[in-house]
Amino acid sequence: MSVRELVVLGTASQVPTRHRNHNGYLLRWDGEGFLFDPGEGTQRQMLRAGVAAHDINRICVTHFHGDHSLGLAGVIQRINLDKVPHPVSAHYPRSGQRFFDRLRYATAYRETVALLEAPVDTDGPLVRTPGYTLEARRLSHPVEAYGYRIVEPDGRRMLPDRLAAHGVKGPDVGRLQREGSLNGVALEDVSEVRRGQRFAFVMDTRLCDGVYALAEGCDMLVIESTFLDEDESLAVEFGHLTAGQAAGVAREAGVRHLVLTHFSQRYTDPAEFERQARAAGYEGDVTVARDLDRIQLPKRRA
């Protein structure tokens, strides 16, 4: 049975708090796991959330500020300590190669796992598999940063009334799906396009073209909202988004489920982030993320 859910490991921004760990997010996508932005303390948060090193297939780092990457050293060593039986790929800005190297070899340990380095230096697809395409887009932050997007290929939904009208039933339905036509009946005659699911992960950035490209048509958008709207000048200065800006992106992009995260420690009322998201006109589902949340991706569109 396929599982698609986001496991939130940490939701703080630059400074962790009593209730919020540094960043960390594990996306379960069927049989694969994508670990995004493992900040300091990610290993312990994985333990608390029931996430094992074996669950990680890809590590995706948006940029090399500490709250998004200092946990890499421990996670990589844990992958090797546990002798994860499959290769693990690491995606990160190529301009930060020196930081990745330092974190990968921060201390002595025995390498037992193939860690495949796949640095990012351009917009577009990074990986294509039968189940998804992983894409990247450049963001706007004081250091080079990329957001990530996972797109499932479109499929087809069989329509029972049309199948019946064409006399297609039983094993012939499967044959028609595999072969594309059967006894003069085309697959398009008895089915319709079922759009694949889309997920995007957008961290530290100002508003820019990359943010909108990543969010377009997503079923779930995980996006930073470091500041509230009254502090928009600080957001622009330091390369971040406000809750209203993040929600405005989601509204314009047709996002179904908006997950706000990466909160400044200056704020004490998490509910205000949702209030400002609603004030920006976003009408879909909103989650103001908390550490150890488990958030299911929405069901496919009807």
C-alpha atoms as a PDB file:
ATOM      1  CA  MET A   1       0.000   0.000   0.000  1.00  0.00           C
ATOM      2  CA  SER A   2       1.413   3.380  -1.005  1.00  0.00           C
ATOM      3  CA  VAL A   3       2.012   5.986   1.703  1.00  0.00           C
ATOM      4  CA  ARG A   4       2.445   9.664   1.004  1.00  0.00           C
ATOM      5  CA  GLU A   5       2.896  11.785   4.090  1.00  0.00           C
ATOM      6  CA  LEU A   6       5.079  14.536   5.479  1.00  0.00           C
ATOM      7  CA  VAL A   7       6.773  13.877   8.808  1.00  0.00           C
ATOM      8  CA  VAL A   8       7.791  17.185  10.393  1.00  0.00           C
ATOM      9  CA  LEU A   9      11.004  16.914  12.397  1.00  0.00           C
ATOM     10  CA  GLY A  10      11.618  20.589  13.128  1.00  0.00           C
ATOM     11  CA  THR A  11       9.975  23.950  12.454  1.00  0.00           C
ATOM     12  CA  ALA A  12      12.227  26.662  13.929  1.00  0.00           C
ATOM     13  CA  SER A  13      14.186  29.169  11.897  1.00  0.00           C
ATOM     14  CA  GLN A  14      17.667  30.384  12.859  1.00  0.00           C
ATOM     15  CA  VAL A  15      17.247  29.796  16.595  1.00  0.00           C
ATOM     16  CA  PRO A  16      15.570  26.678  18.031  1.00  0.00           C
ATOM     17  CA  THR A  17      13.160  27.092  20.922  1.00  0.00           C
ATOM     18  CA  ARG A  18      11.879  24.947  23.766  1.00  0.00           C
ATOM     19  CA  HIS A  19       9.132  23.660  21.495  1.00  0.00           C
ATOM     20  CA  ARG A  20      10.662  23.864  18.016  1.00  0.00           C
ATOM     21  CA  ASN A  21      13.731  22.023  16.767  1.00  0.00           C
ATOM     22  CA  HIS A  22      15.814  23.229  13.875  1.00  0.00           C
ATOM     23  CA  ASN A  23      14.479  22.277  10.432  1.00  0.00           C
ATOM     24  CA  GLY A  24      13.960  18.731   9.213  1.00  0.00           C
ATOM     25  CA  TYR A  25      11.240  17.133   7.062  1.00  0.00           C
ATOM     26  CA  LEU A  26      10.833  13.555   5.841  1.00  0.00           C
ATOM     27  CA  LEU A  27       8.491  13.017   2.911  1.00  0.00           C
ATOM     28  CA  ARG A  28       7.319   9.446   2.465  1.00  0.00           C
ATOM     29  CA  TRP A  29       6.488   8.956  -1.196  1.00  0.00           C
ATOM     30  CA  ASP A  30       5.352   5.381  -1.711  1.00  0.00           C
ATOM     31  CA  GLY A  31       8.478   3.296  -1.088  1.00  0.00           C
ATOM     32  CA  GLU A  32      10.962   6.196  -0.967  1.00  0.00           C
ATOM     33  CA  GLY A  33      11.899   8.772   1.621  1.00  0.00           C
ATOM     34  CA  PHE A  34      13.068  12.333   0.936  1.00  0.00           C
ATOM     35  CA  LEU A  35      14.840  14.050   3.828  1.00  0.00           C
ATOM     36  CA  PHE A  36      14.729  17.824   3.396  1.00  0.00           C
ATOM     37  CA  ASP A  37      17.016  20.302   5.177  1.00  0.00           C
ATOM     38  CA  PRO A  38      18.306  18.287   8.149  1.00  0.00           C
ATOM     39  CA  GLY A  39      19.215  20.894  10.748  1.00  0.00           C
ATOM     40  CA  GLU A  40      20.903  20.339  14.083  1.00  0.00           C
ATOM     41  CA  GLY A  41      19.142  17.688  16.172  1.00  0.00           C
ATOM     42  CA  THR A  42      17.570  15.865  13.226  1.00  0.00           C
ATOM     43  CA  GLN A  43      18.809  12.448  14.379  1.00  0.00           C
ATOM     44  CA  ARG A  44      17.037  12.756  17.708  1.00  0.00           C
ATOM     45  CA  GLN A  45      13.874  14.064  16.079  1.00  0.00           C
ATOM     46  CA  MET A  46      13.907  11.087  13.708  1.00  0.00           C
ATOM     47  CA  LEU A  47      13.946   8.789  16.734  1.00  0.00           C
ATOM     48  CA  ARG A  48      11.026  10.627  18.324  1.00  0.00           C
ATOM     49  CA  ALA A  49       9.042  10.516  15.072  1.00  0.00           C
ATOM     50  CA  GLY A  50       9.723   6.853  14.303  1.00  0.00           C
ATOM     51  CA  VAL A  51      11.854   7.612  11.250  1.00  0.00           C
ATOM     52  CA  ALA A  52      14.797   5.266  10.627  1.00  0.00           C
ATOM     53  CA  ALA A  53      17.931   5.841   8.578  1.00  0.00           C
ATOM     54  CA  HIS A  54      16.670   3.038   6.321  1.00  0.00           C
ATOM     55  CA  ASP A  55      13.725   5.291   5.382  1.00  0.00           C
ATOM     56  CA  ILE A  56      16.000   7.792   3.610  1.00  0.00           C
ATOM     57  CA  ASN A  57      16.637   7.468  -0.126  1.00  0.00           C
ATOM     58  CA  ARG A  58      17.361  11.099  -0.982  1.00  0.00           C
ATOM     59  CA  ILE A  59      18.631  14.059   1.009  1.00  0.00           C
ATOM     60  CA  CYS A  60      17.656  17.460  -0.406  1.00  0.00           C
ATOM     61  CA  VAL A  61      19.354  20.549   1.023  1.00  0.00           C
ATOM     62  CA  THR A  62      18.026  23.941  -0.053  1.00  0.00           C
ATOM     63  CA  HIS A  63      21.075  25.937   1.102  1.00  0.00           C
ATOM     64  CA  PHE A  64      23.960  25.889   3.532  1.00  0.00           C
ATOM     65  CA  HIS A  65      22.814  28.001   6.434  1.00  0.00           C
ATOM     66  CA  GLY A  66      23.236  26.052   9.651  1.00  0.00           C
ATOM     67  CA  ASP A  67      19.574  25.634  10.574  1.00  0.00           C
ATOM     68  CA  HIS A  68      19.091  23.767   7.278  1.00  0.00           C
ATOM     69  CA  SER A  69      22.246  21.661   7.140  1.00  0.00           C
ATOM     70  CA  LEU A  70      24.127  21.201  10.409  1.00  0.00           C
ATOM     71  CA  GLY A  71      22.365  17.881  10.970  1.00  0.00           C
ATOM     72  CA  LEU A  72      23.891  16.427   7.801  1.00  0.00           C
ATOM     73  CA  ALA A  73      26.977  15.155   9.592  1.00  0.00           C
ATOM     74  CA  GLY A  74      25.008  13.072  12.067  1.00  0.00           C
ATOM     75  CA  VAL A  75      22.482  11.820   9.518  1.00  0.00           C
ATOM     76  CA  ILE A  76      25.184  10.703   7.096  1.00  0.00           C
ATOM     77  CA  GLN A  77      27.076   8.921   9.845  1.00  0.00           C
ATOM     78  CA  ARG A  78      23.876   7.245  11.047  1.00  0.00           C
ATOM     79  CA  ILE A  79      23.148   6.012   7.519  1.00  0.00           C
ATOM     80  CA  ASN A  80      26.570   4.380   7.514  1.00  0.00           C
ATOM     81  CA  LEU A  81      26.346   3.085  11.095  1.00  0.00           C
ATOM     82  CA  ASP A  82      23.042   1.365  10.291  1.00  0.00           C
ATOM     83  CA  LYS A  83      24.427   0.024   6.990  1.00  0.00           C
ATOM     84  CA  VAL A  84      21.446   1.207   4.971  1.00  0.00           C
ATOM     85  CA  PRO A  85      21.123  -1.418   2.207  1.00  0.00           C
ATOM     86  CA  HIS A  86      20.394   0.988  -0.666  1.00  0.00           C
ATOM     87  CA  PRO A  87      22.309   3.919  -2.157  1.00  0.00           C
ATOM     88  CA  VAL A  88      21.399   7.360  -0.839  1.00  0.00           C
ATOM     89  CA  SER A  89      21.536  10.415  -3.100  1.00  0.00           C
ATOM     90  CA  ALA A  90      22.319  13.918  -1.842  1.00  0.00           C
ATOM     91  CA  HIS A  91      21.140  17.031  -3.690  1.00  0.00           C
ATOM     92  CA  TYR A  92      22.434  20.481  -2.668  1.00  0.00           C
ATOM     93  CA  PRO A  93      23.644  23.726  -4.289  1.00  0.00           C
ATOM     94  CA  ARG A  94      26.904  23.083  -6.112  1.00  0.00           C
ATOM     95  CA  SER A  95      28.270  26.389  -4.830  1.00  0.00           C
ATOM     96  CA  GLY A  96      28.153  24.880  -1.322  1.00  0.00           C
ATOM     97  CA  GLN A  97      30.274  21.841  -2.179  1.00  0.00           C
ATOM     98  CA  ARG A  98      32.936  22.832   0.358  1.00  0.00           C
ATOM     99  CA  PHE A  99      30.312  22.920   3.113  1.00  0.00           C
ATOM    100  CA  PHE A 100      28.909  19.555   2.088  1.00  0.00           C
ATOM    101  CA  ASP A 101      32.403  18.043   2.110  1.00  0.00           C
ATOM    102  CA  ARG A 102      33.100  19.408   5.591  1.00  0.00           C
ATOM    103  CA  LEU A 103      29.827  18.068   6.942  1.00  0.00           C
ATOM    104  CA  ARG A 104      30.187  14.687   5.248  1.00  0.00           C
ATOM    105  CA  TYR A 105      33.635  14.213   6.756  1.00  0.00           C
ATOM    106  CA  ALA A 106      33.219  16.224   9.943  1.00  0.00           C
ATOM    107  CA  THR A 107      34.613  13.380  12.088  1.00  0.00           C
ATOM    108  CA  ALA A 108      36.052   9.897  11.627  1.00  0.00           C
ATOM    109  CA  TYR A 109      33.667   7.048  10.824  1.00  0.00           C
ATOM    110  CA  ARG A 110      33.492   3.954   8.664  1.00  0.00           C
ATOM    111  CA  GLU A 111      31.761   4.396   5.304  1.00  0.00           C
ATOM    112  CA  THR A 112      29.530   1.436   4.509  1.00  0.00           C
ATOM    113  CA  VAL A 113      26.928   3.008   2.224  1.00  0.00           C
ATOM    114  CA  ALA A 114      27.136   4.470  -1.275  1.00  0.00           C
ATOM    115  CA  LEU A 115      26.317   8.168  -0.860  1.00  0.00           C
ATOM    116  CA  LEU A 116      25.799   9.598  -4.326  1.00  0.00           C
ATOM    117  CA  GLU A 117      26.575  13.304  -4.554  1.00  0.00           C
ATOM    118  CA  ALA A 118      24.291  15.090  -7.026  1.00  0.00           C
ATOM    119  CA  PRO A 119      24.850  18.847  -6.665  1.00  0.00           C
ATOM    120  CA  VAL A 120      22.401  21.304  -8.218  1.00  0.00           C
ATOM    121  CA  ASP A 121      23.451  24.271 -10.339  1.00  0.00           C
ATOM    122  CA  THR A 122      20.514  24.933 -12.660  1.00  0.00           C
ATOM    123  CA  ASP A 123      16.746  24.993 -12.809  1.00  0.00           C
ATOM    124  CA  GLY A 124      14.917  21.933 -14.080  1.00  0.00           C
ATOM    125  CA  PRO A 125      14.619  18.169 -13.624  1.00  0.00           C
ATOM    126  CA  LEU A 126      17.211  16.434 -11.447  1.00  0.00           C
ATOM    127  CA  VAL A 127      15.907  12.861 -11.501  1.00  0.00           C
ATOM    128  CA  ARG A 128      13.268  11.013 -13.519  1.00  0.00           C
ATOM    129  CA  THR A 129      11.883   7.704 -12.285  1.00  0.00           C
ATOM    130  CA  PRO A 130       8.702   5.803 -13.221  1.00  0.00           C
ATOM    131  CA  GLY A 131       7.046   7.153 -10.070  1.00  0.00           C
ATOM    132  CA  TYR A 132       8.137  10.817 -10.047  1.00  0.00           C
ATOM    133  CA  THR A 133      10.311  13.591 -11.406  1.00  0.00           C
ATOM    134  CA  LEU A 134      12.385  15.590  -8.911  1.00  0.00           C
ATOM    135  CA  GLU A 135      12.887  19.192 -10.000  1.00  0.00           C
ATOM    136  CA  ALA A 136      14.733  22.213  -8.610  1.00  0.00           C
ATOM    137  CA  ARG A 137      14.257  25.985  -8.951  1.00  0.00           C
ATOM    138  CA  ARG A 138      16.553  28.801  -7.871  1.00  0.00           C
ATOM    139  CA  LEU A 139      15.295  30.935  -4.981  1.00  0.00           C
ATOM    140  CA  SER A 140      16.230  34.431  -3.713  1.00  0.00           C
ATOM    141  CA  HIS A 141      18.294  34.337  -0.524  1.00  0.00           C
ATOM    142  CA  PRO A 142      21.614  35.890   0.563  1.00  0.00           C
ATOM    143  CA  VAL A 143      23.319  32.559  -0.234  1.00  0.00           C
ATOM    144  CA  GLU A 144      22.512  30.355  -3.221  1.00  0.00           C
ATOM    145  CA  ALA A 145      19.353  28.381  -2.513  1.00  0.00           C
ATOM    146  CA  TYR A 146      17.104  25.992  -4.424  1.00  0.00           C
ATOM    147  CA  GLY A 147      13.603  24.717  -3.772  1.00  0.00           C
ATOM    148  CA  TYR A 148      12.474  21.229  -4.739  1.00  0.00           C
ATOM    149  CA  ARG A 149       9.375  19.838  -6.411  1.00  0.00           C
ATOM    150  CA  ILE A 150       8.175  16.259  -6.909  1.00  0.00           C
ATOM    151  CA  VAL A 151       5.785  15.567  -9.774  1.00  0.00           C
ATOM    152  CA  GLU A 152       4.022  12.259 -10.340  1.00  0.00           C
ATOM    153  CA  PRO A 153       3.354  11.373 -14.009  1.00  0.00           C
ATOM    154  CA  ASP A 154      -0.227  11.733 -15.128  1.00  0.00           C
ATOM    155  CA  GLY A 155      -2.200   8.499 -15.340  1.00  0.00           C
ATOM    156  CA  ARG A 156      -5.651   7.572 -16.591  1.00  0.00           C
ATOM    157  CA  ARG A 157      -8.893   6.943 -14.729  1.00  0.00           C
ATOM    158  CA  MET A 158     -11.166   4.271 -16.201  1.00  0.00           C
ATOM    159  CA  LEU A 159     -14.822   5.326 -16.574  1.00  0.00           C
ATOM    160  CA  PRO A 160     -17.268   2.464 -15.811  1.00  0.00           C
ATOM    161  CA  ASP A 161     -20.144   3.905 -17.841  1.00  0.00           C
ATOM    162  CA  ARG A 162     -18.005   4.229 -20.959  1.00  0.00           C
ATOM    163  CA  LEU A 163     -16.508   0.776 -20.469  1.00  0.00           C
ATOM    164  CA  ALA A 164     -20.024  -0.656 -20.279  1.00  0.00           C
ATOM    165  CA  ALA A 165     -21.143   1.294 -23.335  1.00  0.00           C
ATOM    166  CA  HIS A 166     -18.275  -0.206 -25.352  1.00  0.00           C
ATOM    167  CA  GLY A 167     -18.758  -3.696 -23.931  1.00  0.00           C
ATOM    168  CA  VAL A 168     -15.354  -3.814 -22.260  1.00  0.00           C
ATOM    169  CA  LYS A 169     -15.309  -5.822 -19.027  1.00  0.00           C
ATOM    170  CA  GLY A 170     -13.332  -8.298 -16.952  1.00  0.00           C
ATOM    171  CA  PRO A 171      -9.751  -9.051 -18.029  1.00  0.00           C
ATOM    172  CA  ASP A 172     -10.243  -6.965 -21.172  1.00  0.00           C
ATOM    173  CA  VAL A 173     -10.090  -3.795 -19.060  1.00  0.00           C
ATOM    174  CA  GLY A 174      -6.518  -4.594 -18.026  1.00  0.00           C
ATOM    175  CA  ARG A 175      -5.562  -5.513 -21.592  1.00  0.00           C
ATOM    176  CA  LEU A 176      -6.918  -2.205 -22.845  1.00  0.00           C
ATOM    177  CA  GLN A 177      -4.915  -0.319 -20.221  1.00  0.00           C
ATOM    178  CA  ARG A 178      -1.714  -2.122 -21.146  1.00  0.00           C
ATOM    179  CA  GLU A 179      -2.105  -2.091 -24.926  1.00  0.00           C
ATOM    180  CA  GLY A 180      -3.872   1.223 -25.507  1.00  0.00           C
ATOM    181  CA  SER A 181      -6.579  -0.207 -27.778  1.00  0.00           C
ATOM    182  CA  LEU A 182      -8.673  -3.368 -28.024  1.00  0.00           C
ATOM    183  CA  ASN A 183     -11.124  -4.495 -30.686  1.00  0.00           C
ATOM    184  CA  GLY A 184     -11.406  -0.993 -32.071  1.00  0.00           C
ATOM    185  CA  VAL A 185     -11.838   0.676 -28.674  1.00  0.00           C
ATOM    186  CA  ALA A 186      -9.123   3.202 -27.751  1.00  0.00           C
ATOM    187  CA  LEU A 187      -8.081   3.806 -24.181  1.00  0.00           C
ATOM    188  CA  GLU A 188      -9.064   7.465 -24.582  1.00  0.00           C
ATOM    189  CA  ASP A 189     -12.634   6.366 -25.395  1.00  0.00           C
ATOM    190  CA  VAL A 190     -13.202   4.843 -21.959  1.00  0.00           C
ATOM    191  CA  SER A 191     -10.955   6.857 -19.630  1.00  0.00           C
ATOM    192  CA  GLU A 192      -9.857  10.346 -18.689  1.00  0.00           C
ATOM    193  CA  VAL A 193      -6.579  11.889 -17.538  1.00  0.00           C
ATOM    194  CA  ARG A 194      -5.851  11.516 -13.819  1.00  0.00           C
ATOM    195  CA  ARG A 195      -3.353  14.185 -12.938  1.00  0.00           C
ATOM    196  CA  GLY A 196      -0.382  13.040 -10.896  1.00  0.00           C
ATOM    197  CA  GLN A 197       0.225  14.479  -7.452  1.00  0.00           C
ATOM    198  CA  ARG A 198       2.609  17.373  -6.930  1.00  0.00           C
ATOM    199  CA  PHE A 199       4.593  18.347  -3.842  1.00  0.00           C
ATOM    200  CA  ALA A 200       6.886  21.351  -3.361  1.00  0.00           C
ATOM    201  CA  PHE A 201       9.367  22.336  -0.668  1.00  0.00           C
ATOM    202  CA  VAL A 202      10.280  26.024  -0.495  1.00  0.00           C
ATOM    203  CA  MET A 203      12.557  27.357   2.210  1.00  0.00           C
ATOM    204  CA  ASP A 204      14.448  30.586   2.790  1.00  0.00           C
ATOM    205  CA  THR A 205      13.588  33.011   0.000  1.00  0.00           C
ATOM    206  CA  ARG A 206      12.046  36.302  -0.961  1.00  0.00           C
ATOM    207  CA  LEU A 207       9.200  36.291  -3.464  1.00  0.00           C
ATOM    208  CA  CYS A 208      10.630  35.343  -6.853  1.00  0.00           C
ATOM    209  CA  ASP A 209       9.762  33.450 -10.028  1.00  0.00           C
ATOM    210  CA  GLY A 210      11.176  30.236  -8.576  1.00  0.00           C
ATOM    211  CA  VAL A 211       8.696  30.248  -5.696  1.00  0.00           C
ATOM    212  CA  TYR A 212       5.717  30.455  -8.044  1.00  0.00           C
ATOM    213  CA  ALA A 213       7.118  27.834 -10.429  1.00  0.00           C
ATOM    214  CA  LEU A 214       7.607  25.375  -7.583  1.00  0.00           C
ATOM    215  CA  ALA A 215       4.148  25.981  -6.105  1.00  0.00           C
ATOM    216  CA  GLU A 216       2.167  25.816  -9.360  1.00  0.00           C
ATOM    217  CA  GLY A 217      -0.706  23.340  -9.066  1.00  0.00           C
ATOM    218  CA  CYS A 218       0.700  21.565  -6.010  1.00  0.00           C
ATOM    219  CA  ASP A 219      -1.350  19.244  -3.867  1.00  0.00           C
ATOM    220  CA  MET A 220       0.910  20.165  -0.935  1.00  0.00           C
ATOM    221  CA  LEU A 221       3.238  23.154  -0.563  1.00  0.00           C
ATOM    222  CA  VAL A 222       5.625  23.214   2.392  1.00  0.00           C
ATOM    223  CA  ILE A 223       6.849  26.787   2.596  1.00  0.00           C
ATOM    224  CA  GLU A 224       8.672  29.024   5.006  1.00  0.00           C
ATOM    225  CA  SER A 225       6.787  31.842   6.718  1.00  0.00           C
ATOM    226  CA  THR A 226       9.497  33.145   8.983  1.00  0.00           C
ATOM    227  CA  PHE A 227       7.796  36.475   9.641  1.00  0.00           C
ATOM    228  CA  LEU A 228       4.306  37.854  10.146  1.00  0.00           C
ATOM    229  CA  ASP A 229       3.109  40.477   7.695  1.00  0.00           C
ATOM    230  CA  GLU A 230       3.833  43.447   9.940  1.00  0.00           C
ATOM    231  CA  ASP A 231       7.532  42.551   9.697  1.00  0.00           C
ATOM    232  CA  GLU A 232       7.634  42.377   5.899  1.00  0.00           C
ATOM    233  CA  SER A 233      10.585  44.798   5.766  1.00  0.00           C
ATOM    234  CA  LEU A 234      12.654  42.340   7.804  1.00  0.00           C
ATOM    235  CA  ALA A 235      11.579  39.502   5.521  1.00  0.00           C
ATOM    236  CA  VAL A 236      12.788  41.381   2.455  1.00  0.00           C
ATOM    237  CA  GLU A 237      16.038  42.413   4.141  1.00  0.00           C
ATOM    238  CA  PHE A 238      16.988  38.901   5.239  1.00  0.00           C
ATOM    239  CA  GLY A 239      15.563  36.954   2.300  1.00  0.00           C
ATOM    240  CA  HIS A 240      12.411  35.426   3.771  1.00  0.00           C
ATOM    241  CA  LEU A 241       8.635  35.304   3.374  1.00  0.00           C
ATOM    242  CA  THR A 242       5.773  36.409   5.580  1.00  0.00           C
ATOM    243  CA  ALA A 243       2.702  34.291   6.289  1.00  0.00           C
ATOM    244  CA  GLY A 244       0.602  36.460   3.987  1.00  0.00           C
ATOM    245  CA  GLN A 245       3.135  36.271   1.165  1.00  0.00           C
ATOM    246  CA  ALA A 246       3.366  32.481   1.433  1.00  0.00           C
ATOM    247  CA  ALA A 247      -0.425  32.192   1.399  1.00  0.00           C
ATOM    248  CA  GLY A 248      -0.649  34.570  -1.549  1.00  0.00           C
ATOM    249  CA  VAL A 249       1.660  32.293  -3.507  1.00  0.00           C
ATOM    250  CA  ALA A 250      -0.494  29.290  -2.595  1.00  0.00           C
ATOM    251  CA  ARG A 251      -3.658  31.107  -3.622  1.00  0.00           C
ATOM    252  CA  GLU A 252      -2.300  32.161  -7.013  1.00  0.00           C
ATOM    253  CA  ALA A 253      -0.731  28.749  -7.677  1.00  0.00           C
ATOM    254  CA  GLY A 254      -3.861  26.739  -6.881  1.00  0.00           C
ATOM    255  CA  VAL A 255      -2.290  24.854  -3.971  1.00  0.00           C
ATOM    256  CA  ARG A 256      -4.632  22.461  -2.170  1.00  0.00           C
ATOM    257  CA  HIS A 257      -2.831  22.092   1.198  1.00  0.00           C
ATOM    258  CA  LEU A 258      -0.534  24.808   2.520  1.00  0.00           C
ATOM    259  CA  VAL A 259       1.970  23.880   5.233  1.00  0.00           C
ATOM    260  CA  LEU A 260       3.564  26.898   6.924  1.00  0.00           C
ATOM    261  CA  THR A 261       6.828  26.404   8.810  1.00  0.00           C
ATOM    262  CA  HIS A 262      10.269  27.898   9.683  1.00  0.00           C
ATOM    263  CA  PHE A 263       9.000  30.367  12.289  1.00  0.00           C
ATOM    264  CA  SER A 264      11.007  33.126  13.941  1.00  0.00           C
ATOM    265  CA  GLN A 265      11.363  32.739  17.692  1.00  0.00           C
ATOM    266  CA  ARG A 266      10.018  36.292  18.144  1.00  0.00           C
ATOM    267  CA  TYR A 267       6.403  35.101  17.775  1.00  0.00           C
ATOM    268  CA  THR A 268       4.445  33.370  20.543  1.00  0.00           C
ATOM    269  CA  ASP A 269       1.035  32.808  18.927  1.00  0.00           C
ATOM    270  CA  PRO A 270       1.201  30.212  16.106  1.00  0.00           C
ATOM    271  CA  ALA A 271      -2.474  30.767  15.284  1.00  0.00           C
ATOM    272  CA  GLU A 272      -1.639  34.227  13.948  1.00  0.00           C
ATOM    273  CA  PHE A 273       0.137  32.634  10.981  1.00  0.00           C
ATOM    274  CA  GLU A 274      -3.072  30.918   9.897  1.00  0.00           C
ATOM    275  CA  ARG A 275      -5.101  34.078  10.492  1.00  0.00           C
ATOM    276  CA  GLN A 276      -2.801  36.023   8.190  1.00  0.00           C
ATOM    277  CA  ALA A 277      -2.858  33.226   5.600  1.00  0.00           C
ATOM    278  CA  ARG A 278      -6.659  33.422   5.539  1.00  0.00           C
ATOM    279  CA  ALA A 279      -6.553  37.209   5.393  1.00  0.00           C
ATOM    280  CA  ALA A 280      -4.441  36.851   2.235  1.00  0.00           C
ATOM    281  CA  GLY A 281      -7.363  35.054   0.604  1.00  0.00           C
ATOM    282  CA  TYR A 282      -6.148  31.459   0.704  1.00  0.00           C
ATOM    283  CA  GLU A 283      -9.135  29.100   1.030  1.00  0.00           C
ATOM    284  CA  GLY A 284      -7.523  25.645   0.918  1.00  0.00           C
ATOM    285  CA  ASP A 285      -6.325  23.531   3.830  1.00  0.00           C
ATOM    286  CA  VAL A 286      -3.748  25.211   6.086  1.00  0.00           C
ATOM    287  CA  THR A 287      -1.429  23.553   8.585  1.00  0.00           C
ATOM    288  CA  VAL A 288       0.763  25.650  10.859  1.00  0.00           C
ATOM    289  CA  ALA A 289       3.382  22.969  11.339  1.00  0.00           C
ATOM    290  CA  ARG A 290       4.490  21.687  14.729  1.00  0.00           C
ATOM    291  CA  ASP A 291       7.401  19.413  15.474  1.00  0.00           C
ATOM    292  CA  LEU A 292       6.502  15.723  15.004  1.00  0.00           C
ATOM    293  CA  ASP A 293       3.365  16.451  12.967  1.00  0.00           C
ATOM    294  CA  ARG A 294       2.432  13.790  10.391  1.00  0.00           C
ATOM    295  CA  ILE A 295       0.527  15.322   7.495  1.00  0.00           C
ATOM    296  CA  GLN A 296      -1.080  13.219   4.787  1.00  0.00           C
ATOM    297  CA  LEU A 297      -0.950  14.418   1.205  1.00  0.00           C
ATOM    298  CA  PRO A 298      -4.447  15.166  -0.115  1.00  0.00           C
ATOM    299  CA  LYS A 299      -6.222  12.486  -2.089  1.00  0.00           C
ATOM    300  CA  ARG A 300      -5.861  12.791  -5.833  1.00  0.00           C
ATOM    301  CA  ARG A 301      -8.110  15.299  -7.500  1.00  0.00           C
ATOM    302  CA  ALA A 302     -11.452  13.872  -8.659  1.00  0.00           C
END
